[in-house]
C-alpha atoms as a PDB file:
ATOM      1  CA  GLN A   1     138.613  94.731  41.982  1.00  0.00           C
ATOM      2  CA  VAL A   2     135.230  94.147  44.307  1.00  0.00           C
ATOM      3  CA  GLN A   3     135.800  90.489  44.767  1.00  0.00           C
ATOM      4  CA  PHE A   4     133.218  88.414  46.823  1.00  0.00           C
ATOM      5  CA  VAL A   5     132.636  85.512  49.009  1.00  0.00           C
ATOM      6  CA  GLU A   6     129.499  83.555  49.119  1.00  0.00           C
ATOM      7  CA  SER A   7     128.976  80.638  51.208  1.00  0.00           C
ATOM      8  CA  GLY A   8     126.480  78.142  53.122  1.00  0.00           C
ATOM      9  CA  GLY A   9     123.878  77.221  50.618  1.00  0.00           C
ATOM     10  CA  GLY A  10     122.685  73.781  50.007  1.00  0.00           C
ATOM     11  CA  LEU A  11     120.366  70.818  50.619  1.00  0.00           C
ATOM     12  CA  VAL A  12     118.192  70.716  53.086  1.00  0.00           C
ATOM     13  CA  LYS A  13     115.065  68.843  54.330  1.00  0.00           C
ATOM     14  CA  PRO A  14     111.635  71.128  54.805  1.00  0.00           C
ATOM     15  CA  GLY A  15     112.030  72.236  58.150  1.00  0.00           C
ATOM     16  CA  GLY A  16     115.402  72.977  58.526  1.00  0.00           C
ATOM     17  CA  SER A  17     117.744  75.284  58.583  1.00  0.00           C
ATOM     18  CA  LEU A  18     120.945  77.511  56.896  1.00  0.00           C
ATOM     19  CA  THR A  19     122.700  80.293  57.025  1.00  0.00           C
ATOM     20  CA  LEU A  20     124.429  82.398  54.380  1.00  0.00           C
ATOM     21  CA  SER A  21     127.069  84.332  54.277  1.00  0.00           C
ATOM     22  CA  CYS A  22     128.801  86.730  51.813  1.00  0.00           C
ATOM     23  CA  THR A  23     132.060  88.915  52.451  1.00  0.00           C
ATOM     24  CA  ALA A  24     133.296  91.432  50.290  1.00  0.00           C
ATOM     25  CA  SER A  25     137.043  92.984  49.793  1.00  0.00           C
ATOM     26  CA  GLY A  26     137.643  95.504  48.079  1.00  0.00           C
ATOM     27  CA  LEU A  27     135.130  97.659  48.985  1.00  0.00           C
ATOM     28  CA  SER A  28     135.435 100.627  51.855  1.00  0.00           C
ATOM     29  CA  SER A  29     133.347  99.702  54.917  1.00  0.00           C
ATOM     30  CA  PHE A  30     132.956 103.570  54.601  1.00  0.00           C
ATOM     31  CA  SER A  31     131.100 103.105  51.670  1.00  0.00           C
ATOM     32  CA  ILE A  32     128.792 100.763  52.064  1.00  0.00           C
ATOM     33  CA  ASN A  33     125.309 101.381  52.982  1.00  0.00           C
ATOM     34  CA  THR A  34     122.945  98.783  52.017  1.00  0.00           C
ATOM     35  CA  MET A  35     123.146  94.744  52.237  1.00  0.00           C
ATOM     36  CA  ALA A  36     120.703  92.670  50.903  1.00  0.00           C
ATOM     37  CA  TRP A  37     120.303  88.883  49.744  1.00  0.00           C
ATOM     38  CA  TYR A  38     118.254  88.622  46.379  1.00  0.00           C
ATOM     39  CA  ARG A  39     117.262  85.022  45.336  1.00  0.00           C
ATOM     40  CA  GLN A  40     116.162  83.382  41.520  1.00  0.00           C
ATOM     41  CA  ALA A  41     114.559  79.991  41.615  1.00  0.00           C
ATOM     42  CA  PRO A  42     113.904  78.808  38.117  1.00  0.00           C
ATOM     43  CA  GLY A  43     111.532  80.557  35.653  1.00  0.00           C
ATOM     44  CA  LYS A  44     111.285  82.963  37.780  1.00  0.00           C
ATOM     45  CA  GLN A  45     112.505  86.804  37.978  1.00  0.00           C
ATOM     46  CA  ARG A  46     114.887  87.997  40.672  1.00  0.00           C
ATOM     47  CA  GLU A  47     113.197  88.949  44.094  1.00  0.00           C
ATOM     48  CA  THR A  48     114.384  90.360  47.233  1.00  0.00           C
ATOM     49  CA  VAL A  49     114.511  88.389  50.437  1.00  0.00           C
ATOM     50  CA  ALA A  50     115.846  91.090  52.595  1.00  0.00           C
ATOM     51  CA  THR A  51     117.635  93.772  53.297  1.00  0.00           C
ATOM     52  CA  ILE A  52     119.713  95.683  55.824  1.00  0.00           C
ATOM     53  CA  LEU A  53     120.336  99.611  55.973  1.00  0.00           C
ATOM     54  CA  SER A  54     123.078 100.962  57.833  1.00  0.00           C
ATOM     55  CA  SER A  55     121.056 101.968  59.991  1.00  0.00           C
ATOM     56  CA  ARG A  56     120.730  98.233  61.102  1.00  0.00           C
ATOM     57  CA  SER A  57     116.648  98.761  59.845  1.00  0.00           C
ATOM     58  CA  THR A  58     115.129  95.991  57.970  1.00  0.00           C
ATOM     59  CA  TYR A  59     113.082  94.647  55.013  1.00  0.00           C
ATOM     60  CA  TYR A  60     111.870  91.507  54.517  1.00  0.00           C
ATOM     61  CA  THR A  61     109.742  90.207  51.781  1.00  0.00           C
ATOM     62  CA  ASP A  62     106.280  88.544  53.309  1.00  0.00           C
ATOM     63  CA  SER A  63     106.872  85.019  52.612  1.00  0.00           C
ATOM     64  CA  VAL A  64     109.721  84.808  54.770  1.00  0.00           C
ATOM     65  CA  LYS A  65     109.009  87.270  57.800  1.00  0.00           C
ATOM     66  CA  GLY A  66     109.394  84.953  61.130  1.00  0.00           C
ATOM     67  CA  ARG A  67     111.712  82.447  59.600  1.00  0.00           C
ATOM     68  CA  PHE A  68     114.908  84.347  57.732  1.00  0.00           C
ATOM     69  CA  THR A  69     116.980  87.343  59.480  1.00  0.00           C
ATOM     70  CA  ILE A  70     119.400  89.427  58.061  1.00  0.00           C
ATOM     71  CA  SER A  71     122.128  90.659  59.729  1.00  0.00           C
ATOM     72  CA  ARG A  72     126.089  92.282  58.982  1.00  0.00           C
ATOM     73  CA  ASP A  73     129.102  93.144  59.903  1.00  0.00           C
ATOM     74  CA  ASN A  74     130.252  96.100  59.196  1.00  0.00           C
ATOM     75  CA  ALA A  75     133.721  95.583  59.913  1.00  0.00           C
ATOM     76  CA  LYS A  76     133.840  92.486  57.899  1.00  0.00           C
ATOM     77  CA  ASN A  77     132.143  93.942  54.640  1.00  0.00           C
ATOM     78  CA  SER A  78     129.586  90.595  55.055  1.00  0.00           C
ATOM     79  CA  VAL A  79     126.122  89.779  54.765  1.00  0.00           C
ATOM     80  CA  TYR A  80     124.478  86.700  56.942  1.00  0.00           C
ATOM     81  CA  LEU A  81     120.752  86.008  56.088  1.00  0.00           C
ATOM     82  CA  GLN A  82     120.100  83.222  58.836  1.00  0.00           C
ATOM     83  CA  MET A  83     117.573  80.796  57.718  1.00  0.00           C
ATOM     84  CA  ASN A  84     114.926  78.774  59.372  1.00  0.00           C
ATOM     85  CA  ASN A  85     111.850  76.671  58.982  1.00  0.00           C
ATOM     86  CA  LEU A  86     112.878  76.735  55.138  1.00  0.00           C
ATOM     87  CA  LYS A  87     110.207  75.540  52.753  1.00  0.00           C
ATOM     88  CA  PRO A  88     110.672  73.727  49.287  1.00  0.00           C
ATOM     89  CA  GLU A  89     109.406  77.017  47.667  1.00  0.00           C
ATOM     90  CA  ASP A  90     112.209  78.690  49.005  1.00  0.00           C
ATOM     91  CA  THR A  91     114.602  76.492  46.317  1.00  0.00           C
ATOM     92  CA  ALA A  92     117.011  79.062  44.095  1.00  0.00           C
ATOM     93  CA  VAL A  93     119.888  80.974  44.154  1.00  0.00           C
ATOM     94  CA  TYR A  94     120.857  83.272  46.718  1.00  0.00           C
ATOM     95  CA  TYR A  95     122.033  86.090  45.677  1.00  0.00           C
ATOM     96  CA  CYS A  96     124.551  88.976  47.976  1.00  0.00           C
ATOM     97  CA  ASN A  97     124.233  92.010  46.826  1.00  0.00           C
ATOM     98  CA  ILE A  98     125.756  95.634  48.448  1.00  0.00           C
ATOM     99  CA  GLY A  99     124.897  99.248  47.679  1.00  0.00           C
ATOM    100  CA  ALA A 100     128.620 101.131  48.345  1.00  0.00           C
ATOM    101  CA  GLY A 101     129.567 104.671  47.190  1.00  0.00           C
ATOM    102  CA  GLY A 102     126.503 104.938  44.649  1.00  0.00           C
ATOM    103  CA  PHE A 103     126.959 101.471  42.671  1.00  0.00           C
ATOM    104  CA  SER A 104     125.085  97.874  42.915  1.00  0.00           C
ATOM    105  CA  TYR A 105     127.972  94.814  43.478  1.00  0.00           C
ATOM    106  CA  TRP A 106     126.740  91.271  43.380  1.00  0.00           C
ATOM    107  CA  GLY A 107     128.020  87.775  44.747  1.00  0.00           C
ATOM    108  CA  GLN A 108     128.012  84.926  42.661  1.00  0.00           C
ATOM    109  CA  GLY A 109     125.554  83.673  44.312  1.00  0.00           C
ATOM    110  CA  THR A 110     124.747  80.843  46.334  1.00  0.00           C
ATOM    111  CA  GLN A 111     122.207  77.719  45.373  1.00  0.00           C
ATOM    112  CA  VAL A 112     119.499  76.385  48.151  1.00  0.00           C
ATOM    113  CA  THR A 113     117.388  73.354  47.799  1.00  0.00           C
ATOM    114  CA  VAL A 114     114.962  72.490  50.216  1.00  0.00           C
ATOM    115  CA  SER A 115     113.694  68.973  49.656  1.00  0.00           C
ATOM    116  CA  SER A 116     112.749  65.497  51.950  1.00  0.00           C
END
């Protein structure tokens, strides 16, 4: 059974920083390909924030380029999202996603709120 531990969300003022962490258990490290972060704001569809492949290639949605950095630790089955210069429009529930063995697995989500 695949289980996730997500952490790092919280309340931060505009311009502040947070680092999200997601660790998956029950998966073989060798089967993991894509690791990603998504977010969903109230009343909006879930969107891809950042993706990192096993090759370490990365993708960022335009609104976070230059502010967010995704990284991974294959030995720990973990993916991270460093978020700097946060804006109110970054407020959402953030979900980690792992693609492994042809399946897609989701974390439980962590709330990020950017407000003064």
